[in-house]
C-alpha atoms as a PDB file:
ATOM      1  CA  UNK A   1      92.051 114.837  97.523  1.00  0.00           C
ATOM      2  CA  UNK A   2      93.316 111.283  97.239  1.00  0.00           C
ATOM      3  CA  UNK A   3      95.232 109.750 100.110  1.00  0.00           C
ATOM      4  CA  UNK A   4      98.236 109.193  97.832  1.00  0.00           C
ATOM      5  CA  UNK A   5      98.437 112.932  97.206  1.00  0.00           C
ATOM      6  CA  UNK A   6      98.315 113.623 100.945  1.00  0.00           C
ATOM      7  CA  UNK A   7     101.116 111.117 101.535  1.00  0.00           C
ATOM      8  CA  UNK A   8     103.196 112.746  98.814  1.00  0.00           C
ATOM      9  CA  UNK A   9     102.768 116.093 100.608  1.00  0.00           C
ATOM     10  CA  UNK A  10     104.295 114.322 103.618  1.00  0.00           C
ATOM     11  CA  UNK A  11     107.411 113.522 101.600  1.00  0.00           C
ATOM     12  CA  UNK A  12     106.649 110.110 100.122  1.00  0.00           C
ATOM     13  CA  UNK A  13     107.172 109.428  96.444  1.00  0.00           C
ATOM     14  CA  UNK A  14     104.352 108.410  94.126  1.00  0.00           C
ATOM     15  CA  UNK A  15     105.401 104.750  94.301  1.00  0.00           C
ATOM     16  CA  UNK A  16     105.860 104.860  98.077  1.00  0.00           C
ATOM     17  CA  UNK A  17     102.407 106.316  98.591  1.00  0.00           C
ATOM     18  CA  UNK A  18     100.828 103.683  96.341  1.00  0.00           C
ATOM     19  CA  UNK A  19     102.623 100.872  98.198  1.00  0.00           C
ATOM     20  CA  UNK A  20     101.633 102.076 101.671  1.00  0.00           C
ATOM     21  CA  UNK A  21      97.993 102.507 100.628  1.00  0.00           C
ATOM     22  CA  UNK A  22      98.018  98.991  99.141  1.00  0.00           C
ATOM     23  CA  UNK A  23      99.469  97.452 102.300  1.00  0.00           C
ATOM     24  CA  UNK A  24      96.961  99.256 104.505  1.00  0.00           C
ATOM     25  CA  UNK A  25      94.074  98.256 102.242  1.00  0.00           C
ATOM     26  CA  UNK A  26      95.006  94.592 101.704  1.00  0.00           C
ATOM     27  CA  UNK A  27      96.966  93.841 104.887  1.00  0.00           C
ATOM     28  CA  UNK A  28     100.215  91.938 105.012  1.00  0.00           C
ATOM     29  CA  UNK A  29     101.313  91.094 101.505  1.00  0.00           C
ATOM     30  CA  UNK A  30     104.183  89.695  99.475  1.00  0.00           C
ATOM     31  CA  UNK A  31     106.199  91.985  97.235  1.00  0.00           C
ATOM     32  CA  UNK A  32     104.515  90.444  94.198  1.00  0.00           C
ATOM     33  CA  UNK A  33     101.036  91.091  95.598  1.00  0.00           C
ATOM     34  CA  UNK A  34     101.984  94.634  96.560  1.00  0.00           C
ATOM     35  CA  UNK A  35     103.185  95.252  93.011  1.00  0.00           C
ATOM     36  CA  UNK A  36      99.957  93.876  91.537  1.00  0.00           C
ATOM     37  CA  UNK A  37      97.674  95.715  93.983  1.00  0.00           C
ATOM     38  CA  UNK A  38      99.486  99.048  93.906  1.00  0.00           C
ATOM     39  CA  UNK A  39     100.363  99.303  90.232  1.00  0.00           C
ATOM     40  CA  UNK A  40     104.046  99.825  91.055  1.00  0.00           C
ATOM     41  CA  UNK A  41     106.175  97.933  88.513  1.00  0.00           C
ATOM     42  CA  UNK A  42     107.744  94.775  89.943  1.00  0.00           C
ATOM     43  CA  UNK A  43     111.144  96.021  88.776  1.00  0.00           C
ATOM     44  CA  UNK A  44     110.764  98.945  91.238  1.00  0.00           C
ATOM     45  CA  UNK A  45     108.939  97.234  94.091  1.00  0.00           C
ATOM     46  CA  UNK A  46     111.928  96.194  96.212  1.00  0.00           C
ATOM     47  CA  UNK A  47     113.567  99.623  96.039  1.00  0.00           C
ATOM     48  CA  UNK A  48     110.272 101.184  97.095  1.00  0.00           C
ATOM     49  CA  UNK A  49     109.685  98.634  99.865  1.00  0.00           C
ATOM     50  CA  UNK A  50     113.218  99.119 101.214  1.00  0.00           C
ATOM     51  CA  UNK A  51     112.765 102.894 101.260  1.00  0.00           C
ATOM     52  CA  UNK A  52     109.508 102.524 103.206  1.00  0.00           C
ATOM     53  CA  UNK A  53     111.161 100.079 105.620  1.00  0.00           C
ATOM     54  CA  UNK A  54     113.962 102.593 106.222  1.00  0.00           C
ATOM     55  CA  UNK A  55     111.420 105.356 106.834  1.00  0.00           C
ATOM     56  CA  UNK A  56     109.387 103.212 109.244  1.00  0.00           C
ATOM     57  CA  UNK A  57     106.191 103.226 107.203  1.00  0.00           C
ATOM     58  CA  UNK A  58     106.119  99.435 106.829  1.00  0.00           C
ATOM     59  CA  UNK A  59     107.594  96.406 108.576  1.00  0.00           C
ATOM     60  CA  UNK A  60     108.789  93.052 107.302  1.00  0.00           C
ATOM     61  CA  UNK A  61     107.816  89.644 108.640  1.00  0.00           C
ATOM     62  CA  UNK A  62     110.606  87.143 108.163  1.00  0.00           C
ATOM     63  CA  UNK A  63     109.875  83.928 106.330  1.00  0.00           C
ATOM     64  CA  UNK A  64     109.441  82.718 102.820  1.00  0.00           C
ATOM     65  CA  UNK A  65     108.023  84.590 101.159  1.00  0.00           C
ATOM     66  CA  UNK A  66     108.638  87.771 103.138  1.00  0.00           C
ATOM     67  CA  UNK A  67     105.454  89.553 104.126  1.00  0.00           C
ATOM     68  CA  UNK A  68     105.187  93.301 104.488  1.00  0.00           C
ATOM     69  CA  UNK A  69     102.683  95.045 106.729  1.00  0.00           C
ATOM     70  CA  UNK A  70     101.990  98.583 107.916  1.00  0.00           C
ATOM     71  CA  UNK A  71     104.475 100.034 110.346  1.00  0.00           C
ATOM     72  CA  UNK A  72     103.581 102.767 112.785  1.00  0.00           C
ATOM     73  CA  UNK A  73     101.712 104.882 110.256  1.00  0.00           C
ATOM     74  CA  UNK A  74     100.059 106.972 112.944  1.00  0.00           C
ATOM     75  CA  UNK A  75     103.485 107.860 114.368  1.00  0.00           C
ATOM     76  CA  UNK A  76     104.759 108.892 110.910  1.00  0.00           C
ATOM     77  CA  UNK A  77     101.713 111.140 110.439  1.00  0.00           C
ATOM     78  CA  UNK A  78     102.150 112.668 113.902  1.00  0.00           C
ATOM     79  CA  UNK A  79     105.830 113.355 113.133  1.00  0.00           C
ATOM     80  CA  UNK A  80     104.817 115.180 109.975  1.00  0.00           C
ATOM     81  CA  UNK A  81     102.199 117.244 111.814  1.00  0.00           C
ATOM     82  CA  UNK A  82     104.618 118.144 114.598  1.00  0.00           C
ATOM     83  CA  UNK A  83     107.385 119.077 112.153  1.00  0.00           C
ATOM     84  CA  UNK A  84     104.964 121.225 110.144  1.00  0.00           C
ATOM     85  CA  UNK A  85     104.119 123.455 113.104  1.00  0.00           C
END
């Protein structure tokens, strides 16, 4: 099963799962690069990024352009496992 499908079982949307996989795979990235690497339309990228920031899956480095990197992914996974028991 693809990692995106596993992430969706944890409550992420299709776009959110694609973005988090892209950031983990390519490292810190701009919104434009995340859109290109993940296949999420640029018109939806900021909504998706903001949702992932709110959920703690990614973090934002200030500057121009803003860079996004993985948050505490392991903690999010552990939360899901603990809540599933």
